């Protein structure tokens, strides 16, 4: 796993947190929830790609 990946996930988390707080304080709780869910989906899609790479590496190491 690259350190860049960890920084990307952390950056997305910080951006989503700031947007969430701004939207909640302005009275837009529904949009804040949607922003949080969108951030979660983006991070999960990124993680699925990394897990796919992990499985490919395991297959190549064990010759499966």
Protein backbone atom coordinates (compact mmCIF):
# COMPACT_ATOMS: atom_id res chain seq x y z
CA UNK A 1 0.00 0.00 0.00
CA UNK A 2 1.28 3.40 -0.93
CA UNK A 3 1.55 6.28 1.49
CA UNK A 4 -0.13 8.39 -1.22
CA UNK A 5 -3.26 6.25 -0.89
CA UNK A 6 -3.44 6.92 2.84
CA UNK A 7 -3.04 10.66 2.23
CA UNK A 8 -5.79 10.59 -0.41
CA UNK A 9 -8.20 8.86 1.97
CA UNK A 10 -7.29 11.26 4.77
CA UNK A 11 -7.73 14.25 2.46
CA UNK A 12 -11.16 13.09 1.38
CA UNK A 13 -12.07 12.57 5.02
CA UNK A 14 -10.99 16.09 5.97
CA UNK A 15 -12.85 17.67 3.04
CA UNK A 16 -16.03 15.71 3.78
CA UNK A 17 -15.83 16.61 7.47
CA UNK A 18 -15.48 20.33 6.74
CA UNK A 19 -18.33 20.27 4.22
CA UNK A 20 -20.48 18.32 6.66
CA UNK A 21 -19.92 20.83 9.44
CA UNK A 22 -20.60 23.79 7.14
CA UNK A 23 -23.84 22.27 5.89
CA UNK A 24 -25.06 21.27 9.36
CA UNK A 25 -24.41 24.74 10.75
CA UNK A 26 -26.30 26.33 7.85
CA UNK A 27 -29.31 24.10 8.53
CA UNK A 28 -28.95 21.72 5.60
CA UNK A 29 -28.77 18.41 7.43
CA UNK A 30 -30.03 16.35 4.46
CA UNK A 31 -27.33 17.70 2.17
CA UNK A 32 -24.73 17.11 4.89
CA UNK A 33 -25.79 13.47 5.10
CA UNK A 34 -25.62 13.08 1.33
CA UNK A 35 -22.13 14.63 1.30
CA UNK A 36 -21.00 12.18 3.96
CA UNK A 37 -22.44 9.23 2.06
CA UNK A 38 -20.83 10.39 -1.19
CA UNK A 39 -17.45 10.62 0.54
CA UNK A 40 -17.91 7.15 1.98
CA UNK A 41 -18.76 5.71 -1.44
CA UNK A 42 -15.71 7.34 -3.04
CA UNK A 43 -13.39 5.93 -0.38
CA UNK A 44 -14.97 2.47 -0.61
CA UNK A 45 -14.49 2.44 -4.39
CA UNK A 46 -10.83 3.37 -3.88
CA UNK A 47 -10.41 0.58 -1.31
CA UNK A 48 -12.03 -1.99 -3.62
CA UNK A 49 -9.37 -1.19 -6.23
CA UNK A 50 -6.58 -1.71 -3.71
CA UNK A 51 -8.10 -4.99 -2.52
CA UNK A 52 -8.26 -6.17 -6.14
CA UNK A 53 -4.55 -5.42 -6.50
CA UNK A 54 -3.90 -7.34 -3.28
CA UNK A 55 -5.69 -10.42 -4.62
CA UNK A 56 -3.73 -10.22 -7.87
CA UNK A 57 -0.49 -10.07 -5.89
CA UNK A 58 -1.47 -13.05 -3.75
CA UNK A 59 -2.37 -15.03 -6.88
CA UNK A 60 0.98 -14.27 -8.48
CA UNK A 61 2.94 -15.11 -5.32
CA UNK A 62 1.29 -18.50 -4.84
CA UNK A 63 0.95 -19.25 -8.55
CA UNK A 64 -2.81 -19.66 -8.51
